[in-house]
Amino acid sequence: MSMYEWNCILFHDVDVLPEDDRIVHTCSLRNPRHMAVALNKFGYKLPYATMFGTSTALTVEQFRMVNGFSNRFWGWGGEDDDLYKRVITVGYDVDRYPENIARYTMIKHGGEPKSNPLNKCRFKLLDLTETDWKKDGLNSLNYTLIKKTKKKLYTHILVDLLEDDERPFLESSFCDKD
């Protein structure tokens, strides 16, 4: 966010594709936007009312207000639910396109790879969102810039999120406690 003057940040899973070109991948100035409202995997319905993953858009101001994503979620699961809780906690609602437009197809693939295992402590971490969101997020993000390459249509930024340093502490501090 510090490289350019961005006005909208989009988060989009790589394994889903929009089915309708009327869905505009852009931010709402009022509230964060959830675009993947009707996913074929779930019979084109939201599997739960608070779903906020797959394809979302926030203005830079909204993303800063919620302190970005948590840095505690490693592996698969929970990070999108945590972001939803942050959005609601700071007083935003979620804007959604109508189901007949916001249709997405998930590309079939063979489960989560070993490099992205199920986050077994995601529910314990989600219990901490309302109390910890102000100190866990953009303001506590640690990474090392490996390489930045400017291309014609994009800039490729490669970073090390220091997972080997961070993950053992998080698992012993949050996951192993009952």
C-alpha atoms as a PDB file:
ATOM      1  CA  MET A   1       0.000   0.000   0.000  1.00  0.00           C
ATOM      2  CA  SER A   2       2.962   2.290   0.443  1.00  0.00           C
ATOM      3  CA  MET A   3       4.298   1.839  -3.121  1.00  0.00           C
ATOM      4  CA  TYR A   4       1.388   3.414  -4.972  1.00  0.00           C
ATOM      5  CA  GLU A   5      -1.736   5.450  -4.305  1.00  0.00           C
ATOM      6  CA  TRP A   6      -4.183   2.527  -4.315  1.00  0.00           C
ATOM      7  CA  ASN A   7      -7.873   3.224  -3.741  1.00  0.00           C
ATOM      8  CA  CYS A   8      -9.210  -0.352  -3.741  1.00  0.00           C
ATOM      9  CA  ILE A   9      -7.754  -3.644  -2.542  1.00  0.00           C
ATOM     10  CA  LEU A  10      -9.142  -6.899  -3.950  1.00  0.00           C
ATOM     11  CA  PHE A  11      -8.620 -10.344  -2.434  1.00  0.00           C
ATOM     12  CA  HIS A  12      -9.568 -13.156  -4.784  1.00  0.00           C
ATOM     13  CA  ASP A  13      -9.032 -16.897  -4.431  1.00  0.00           C
ATOM     14  CA  VAL A  14      -7.182 -18.265  -7.436  1.00  0.00           C
ATOM     15  CA  ASP A  15      -9.449 -21.301  -7.755  1.00  0.00           C
ATOM     16  CA  VAL A  16     -12.710 -19.446  -8.457  1.00  0.00           C
ATOM     17  CA  LEU A  17     -13.943 -17.680 -11.577  1.00  0.00           C
ATOM     18  CA  PRO A  18     -16.849 -15.249 -11.981  1.00  0.00           C
ATOM     19  CA  GLU A  19     -19.620 -16.578 -14.232  1.00  0.00           C
ATOM     20  CA  ASP A  20     -21.258 -13.240 -15.025  1.00  0.00           C
ATOM     21  CA  ASP A  21     -19.399 -10.280 -16.502  1.00  0.00           C
ATOM     22  CA  ARG A  22     -21.847  -7.838 -14.908  1.00  0.00           C
ATOM     23  CA  ILE A  23     -20.059  -8.251 -11.588  1.00  0.00           C
ATOM     24  CA  VAL A  24     -17.670  -5.360 -11.261  1.00  0.00           C
ATOM     25  CA  HIS A  25     -14.616  -6.100  -9.154  1.00  0.00           C
ATOM     26  CA  THR A  26     -14.385  -2.780  -7.383  1.00  0.00           C
ATOM     27  CA  CYS A  27     -14.832  -1.282  -3.945  1.00  0.00           C
ATOM     28  CA  SER A  28     -17.914   0.213  -2.377  1.00  0.00           C
ATOM     29  CA  LEU A  29     -17.164   3.498  -0.654  1.00  0.00           C
ATOM     30  CA  ARG A  30     -19.772   2.751   2.048  1.00  0.00           C
ATOM     31  CA  ASN A  31     -18.739  -0.717   3.194  1.00  0.00           C
ATOM     32  CA  PRO A  32     -16.384  -3.578   2.383  1.00  0.00           C
ATOM     33  CA  ARG A  33     -17.786  -5.689  -0.445  1.00  0.00           C
ATOM     34  CA  HIS A  34     -18.164  -9.468  -0.643  1.00  0.00           C
ATOM     35  CA  MET A  35     -18.491 -10.446  -4.271  1.00  0.00           C
ATOM     36  CA  ALA A  36     -18.612 -14.275  -4.266  1.00  0.00           C
ATOM     37  CA  VAL A  37     -22.164 -14.521  -2.983  1.00  0.00           C
ATOM     38  CA  ALA A  38     -23.257 -17.541  -5.037  1.00  0.00           C
ATOM     39  CA  LEU A  39     -20.635 -20.257  -5.413  1.00  0.00           C
ATOM     40  CA  ASN A  40     -21.366 -23.463  -7.338  1.00  0.00           C
ATOM     41  CA  LYS A  41     -19.668 -25.501  -4.593  1.00  0.00           C
ATOM     42  CA  PHE A  42     -22.441 -24.416  -2.193  1.00  0.00           C
ATOM     43  CA  GLY A  43     -25.373 -24.703  -4.602  1.00  0.00           C
ATOM     44  CA  TYR A  44     -25.135 -20.997  -5.440  1.00  0.00           C
ATOM     45  CA  LYS A  45     -26.071 -19.969  -1.890  1.00  0.00           C
ATOM     46  CA  LEU A  46     -24.054 -18.529   0.970  1.00  0.00           C
ATOM     47  CA  PRO A  47     -23.122 -21.454   3.216  1.00  0.00           C
ATOM     48  CA  TYR A  48     -23.403 -19.141   6.239  1.00  0.00           C
ATOM     49  CA  ALA A  49     -24.528 -15.525   6.604  1.00  0.00           C
ATOM     50  CA  THR A  50     -21.163 -14.225   7.784  1.00  0.00           C
ATOM     51  CA  MET A  51     -19.130 -15.643   4.886  1.00  0.00           C
ATOM     52  CA  PHE A  52     -16.695 -13.025   3.636  1.00  0.00           C
ATOM     53  CA  GLY A  53     -14.115 -14.964   1.645  1.00  0.00           C
ATOM     54  CA  THR A  54     -13.354 -16.047  -1.915  1.00  0.00           C
ATOM     55  CA  SER A  55     -13.649 -12.576  -3.491  1.00  0.00           C
ATOM     56  CA  THR A  56     -13.704  -9.389  -1.427  1.00  0.00           C
ATOM     57  CA  ALA A  57     -12.893  -5.724  -1.916  1.00  0.00           C
ATOM     58  CA  LEU A  58     -12.039  -3.019   0.611  1.00  0.00           C
ATOM     59  CA  THR A  59     -10.914   0.552   0.139  1.00  0.00           C
ATOM     60  CA  VAL A  60      -7.492   1.349   1.576  1.00  0.00           C
ATOM     61  CA  GLU A  61      -9.222   3.339   4.326  1.00  0.00           C
ATOM     62  CA  GLN A  62     -11.505   0.390   5.201  1.00  0.00           C
ATOM     63  CA  PHE A  63      -8.548  -2.026   5.220  1.00  0.00           C
ATOM     64  CA  ARG A  64      -6.594   0.260   7.533  1.00  0.00           C
ATOM     65  CA  MET A  65      -9.609   0.766   9.809  1.00  0.00           C
ATOM     66  CA  VAL A  66      -9.912  -2.994  10.382  1.00  0.00           C
ATOM     67  CA  ASN A  67      -6.101  -3.302  10.756  1.00  0.00           C
ATOM     68  CA  GLY A  68      -5.902  -5.638   7.756  1.00  0.00           C
ATOM     69  CA  PHE A  69      -5.768  -9.393   8.119  1.00  0.00           C
ATOM     70  CA  SER A  70      -4.616 -11.152  11.262  1.00  0.00           C
ATOM     71  CA  ASN A  71      -1.034 -12.439  11.197  1.00  0.00           C
ATOM     72  CA  ARG A  72      -1.945 -15.490  13.265  1.00  0.00           C
ATOM     73  CA  PHE A  73      -3.639 -17.628  10.625  1.00  0.00           C
ATOM     74  CA  TRP A  74      -1.294 -20.117   8.971  1.00  0.00           C
ATOM     75  CA  GLY A  75      -2.620 -22.860   6.733  1.00  0.00           C
ATOM     76  CA  TRP A  76      -6.174 -23.157   5.498  1.00  0.00           C
ATOM     77  CA  GLY A  77      -9.164 -21.685   7.276  1.00  0.00           C
ATOM     78  CA  GLY A  78     -10.324 -18.869   9.489  1.00  0.00           C
ATOM     79  CA  GLU A  79      -8.624 -15.809   8.027  1.00  0.00           C
ATOM     80  CA  ASP A  80     -11.698 -14.692   6.052  1.00  0.00           C
ATOM     81  CA  ASP A  81     -13.980 -15.175   9.072  1.00  0.00           C
ATOM     82  CA  ASP A  82     -11.545 -13.139  11.163  1.00  0.00           C
ATOM     83  CA  LEU A  83     -11.623 -10.332   8.587  1.00  0.00           C
ATOM     84  CA  TYR A  84     -15.449 -10.384   8.650  1.00  0.00           C
ATOM     85  CA  LYS A  85     -15.407 -10.025  12.440  1.00  0.00           C
ATOM     86  CA  ARG A  86     -13.037  -7.043  12.133  1.00  0.00           C
ATOM     87  CA  VAL A  87     -15.307  -5.405   9.550  1.00  0.00           C
ATOM     88  CA  ILE A  88     -18.361  -5.739  11.823  1.00  0.00           C
ATOM     89  CA  THR A  89     -16.456  -4.793  14.997  1.00  0.00           C
ATOM     90  CA  VAL A  90     -15.427  -1.402  13.600  1.00  0.00           C
ATOM     91  CA  GLY A  91     -19.012  -0.679  12.521  1.00  0.00           C
ATOM     92  CA  TYR A  92     -19.130  -1.504   8.834  1.00  0.00           C
ATOM     93  CA  ASP A  93     -21.775  -3.610   7.134  1.00  0.00           C
ATOM     94  CA  VAL A  94     -20.989  -5.861   4.179  1.00  0.00           C
ATOM     95  CA  ASP A  95     -22.213  -4.923   0.707  1.00  0.00           C
ATOM     96  CA  ARG A  96     -23.084  -7.828  -1.581  1.00  0.00           C
ATOM     97  CA  TYR A  97     -24.144  -8.058  -5.191  1.00  0.00           C
ATOM     98  CA  PRO A  98     -27.400  -9.933  -5.945  1.00  0.00           C
ATOM     99  CA  GLU A  99     -27.074 -13.735  -6.135  1.00  0.00           C
ATOM    100  CA  ASN A 100     -28.114 -13.813  -9.796  1.00  0.00           C
ATOM    101  CA  ILE A 101     -25.052 -11.702 -10.707  1.00  0.00           C
ATOM    102  CA  ALA A 102     -22.494 -12.688  -8.061  1.00  0.00           C
ATOM    103  CA  ARG A 103     -22.123 -16.267  -9.314  1.00  0.00           C
ATOM    104  CA  TYR A 104     -18.742 -17.994  -9.207  1.00  0.00           C
ATOM    105  CA  THR A 105     -17.422 -21.404 -10.225  1.00  0.00           C
ATOM    106  CA  MET A 106     -14.772 -23.164  -8.186  1.00  0.00           C
ATOM    107  CA  ILE A 107     -12.203 -24.957 -10.304  1.00  0.00           C
ATOM    108  CA  LYS A 108     -11.953 -28.578  -9.224  1.00  0.00           C
ATOM    109  CA  HIS A 109      -8.697 -29.484  -7.576  1.00  0.00           C
ATOM    110  CA  GLY A 110      -7.482 -32.207  -5.291  1.00  0.00           C
ATOM    111  CA  GLY A 111      -7.899 -30.790  -1.789  1.00  0.00           C
ATOM    112  CA  GLU A 112      -5.478 -28.549   0.024  1.00  0.00           C
ATOM    113  CA  PRO A 113      -1.816 -29.320  -0.600  1.00  0.00           C
ATOM    114  CA  LYS A 114       0.551 -30.301   2.183  1.00  0.00           C
ATOM    115  CA  SER A 115       2.007 -26.791   2.021  1.00  0.00           C
ATOM    116  CA  ASN A 116      -1.360 -25.358   3.135  1.00  0.00           C
ATOM    117  CA  PRO A 117      -2.730 -27.726   5.809  1.00  0.00           C
ATOM    118  CA  LEU A 118      -5.946 -27.166   7.738  1.00  0.00           C
ATOM    119  CA  ASN A 119      -5.456 -24.610  10.522  1.00  0.00           C
ATOM    120  CA  LYS A 120      -6.453 -26.708  13.526  1.00  0.00           C
ATOM    121  CA  CYS A 121      -6.553 -23.789  15.952  1.00  0.00           C
ATOM    122  CA  ARG A 122      -8.627 -21.436  13.744  1.00  0.00           C
ATOM    123  CA  PHE A 123     -11.636 -21.508  16.085  1.00  0.00           C
ATOM    124  CA  LYS A 124      -9.512 -20.615  19.117  1.00  0.00           C
ATOM    125  CA  LEU A 125      -7.976 -17.753  17.152  1.00  0.00           C
ATOM    126  CA  LEU A 126     -11.409 -16.538  16.017  1.00  0.00           C
ATOM    127  CA  ASP A 127     -12.448 -16.292  19.668  1.00  0.00           C
ATOM    128  CA  LEU A 128      -9.722 -13.642  20.109  1.00  0.00           C
ATOM    129  CA  THR A 129     -10.647 -11.365  17.204  1.00  0.00           C
ATOM    130  CA  GLU A 130     -12.791  -8.852  19.115  1.00  0.00           C
ATOM    131  CA  THR A 131     -10.147  -8.359  21.822  1.00  0.00           C
ATOM    132  CA  ASP A 132      -6.964  -8.575  19.740  1.00  0.00           C
ATOM    133  CA  TRP A 133      -7.729  -7.041  16.333  1.00  0.00           C
ATOM    134  CA  LYS A 134      -6.203  -3.663  17.207  1.00  0.00           C
ATOM    135  CA  LYS A 135      -2.791  -5.192  17.970  1.00  0.00           C
ATOM    136  CA  ASP A 136      -2.735  -8.030  15.411  1.00  0.00           C
ATOM    137  CA  GLY A 137      -2.764  -6.991  11.765  1.00  0.00           C
ATOM    138  CA  LEU A 138      -1.176  -4.368   9.555  1.00  0.00           C
ATOM    139  CA  ASN A 139       0.418  -2.690  12.555  1.00  0.00           C
ATOM    140  CA  SER A 140       2.221  -5.889  13.599  1.00  0.00           C
ATOM    141  CA  LEU A 141       3.069  -7.390  10.202  1.00  0.00           C
ATOM    142  CA  ASN A 142       6.652  -8.649   9.900  1.00  0.00           C
ATOM    143  CA  TYR A 143       8.183  -9.671   6.595  1.00  0.00           C
ATOM    144  CA  THR A 144      11.375  -9.468   4.583  1.00  0.00           C
ATOM    145  CA  LEU A 145      11.297  -8.140   1.027  1.00  0.00           C
ATOM    146  CA  ILE A 146      13.056 -10.686  -1.184  1.00  0.00           C
ATOM    147  CA  LYS A 147      12.544  -9.182  -4.623  1.00  0.00           C
ATOM    148  CA  LYS A 148      10.499  -6.533  -6.409  1.00  0.00           C
ATOM    149  CA  THR A 149      10.186  -6.750 -10.186  1.00  0.00           C
ATOM    150  CA  LYS A 150       8.297  -4.155 -12.225  1.00  0.00           C
ATOM    151  CA  LYS A 151       6.547  -5.640 -15.242  1.00  0.00           C
ATOM    152  CA  LYS A 152       4.541  -3.914 -17.970  1.00  0.00           C
ATOM    153  CA  LEU A 153       1.129  -4.617 -16.404  1.00  0.00           C
ATOM    154  CA  TYR A 154       1.972  -5.392 -12.776  1.00  0.00           C
ATOM    155  CA  THR A 155       4.665  -5.369 -10.124  1.00  0.00           C
ATOM    156  CA  HIS A 156       5.691  -8.765  -8.737  1.00  0.00           C
ATOM    157  CA  ILE A 157       6.612  -8.524  -5.064  1.00  0.00           C
ATOM    158  CA  LEU A 158       8.157 -11.560  -3.378  1.00  0.00           C
ATOM    159  CA  VAL A 159       8.335 -11.538   0.409  1.00  0.00           C
ATOM    160  CA  ASP A 160       9.259 -13.912   3.206  1.00  0.00           C
ATOM    161  CA  LEU A 161       6.514 -13.843   5.853  1.00  0.00           C
ATOM    162  CA  LEU A 162       8.918 -15.359   8.390  1.00  0.00           C
ATOM    163  CA  GLU A 163       6.625 -18.331   8.943  1.00  0.00           C
ATOM    164  CA  ASP A 164       9.423 -20.497  10.339  1.00  0.00           C
ATOM    165  CA  ASP A 165       9.994 -17.898  13.078  1.00  0.00           C
ATOM    166  CA  GLU A 166       6.351 -17.017  13.771  1.00  0.00           C
ATOM    167  CA  ARG A 167       4.411 -20.269  13.473  1.00  0.00           C
ATOM    168  CA  PRO A 168       5.978 -22.253  16.369  1.00  0.00           C
ATOM    169  CA  PHE A 169       5.315 -19.365  18.774  1.00  0.00           C
ATOM    170  CA  LEU A 170       1.702 -19.027  17.639  1.00  0.00           C
ATOM    171  CA  GLU A 171       1.026 -22.742  17.849  1.00  0.00           C
ATOM    172  CA  SER A 172       2.469 -23.012  21.360  1.00  0.00           C
ATOM    173  CA  SER A 173       0.781 -19.799  22.535  1.00  0.00           C
ATOM    174  CA  PHE A 174      -2.677 -20.237  21.036  1.00  0.00           C
ATOM    175  CA  CYS A 175      -3.202 -23.713  19.606  1.00  0.00           C
ATOM    176  CA  ASP A 176      -1.920 -25.908  22.409  1.00  0.00           C
ATOM    177  CA  LYS A 177      -3.945 -24.143  25.107  1.00  0.00           C
ATOM    178  CA  ASP A 178      -7.354 -25.490  26.106  1.00  0.00           C
END
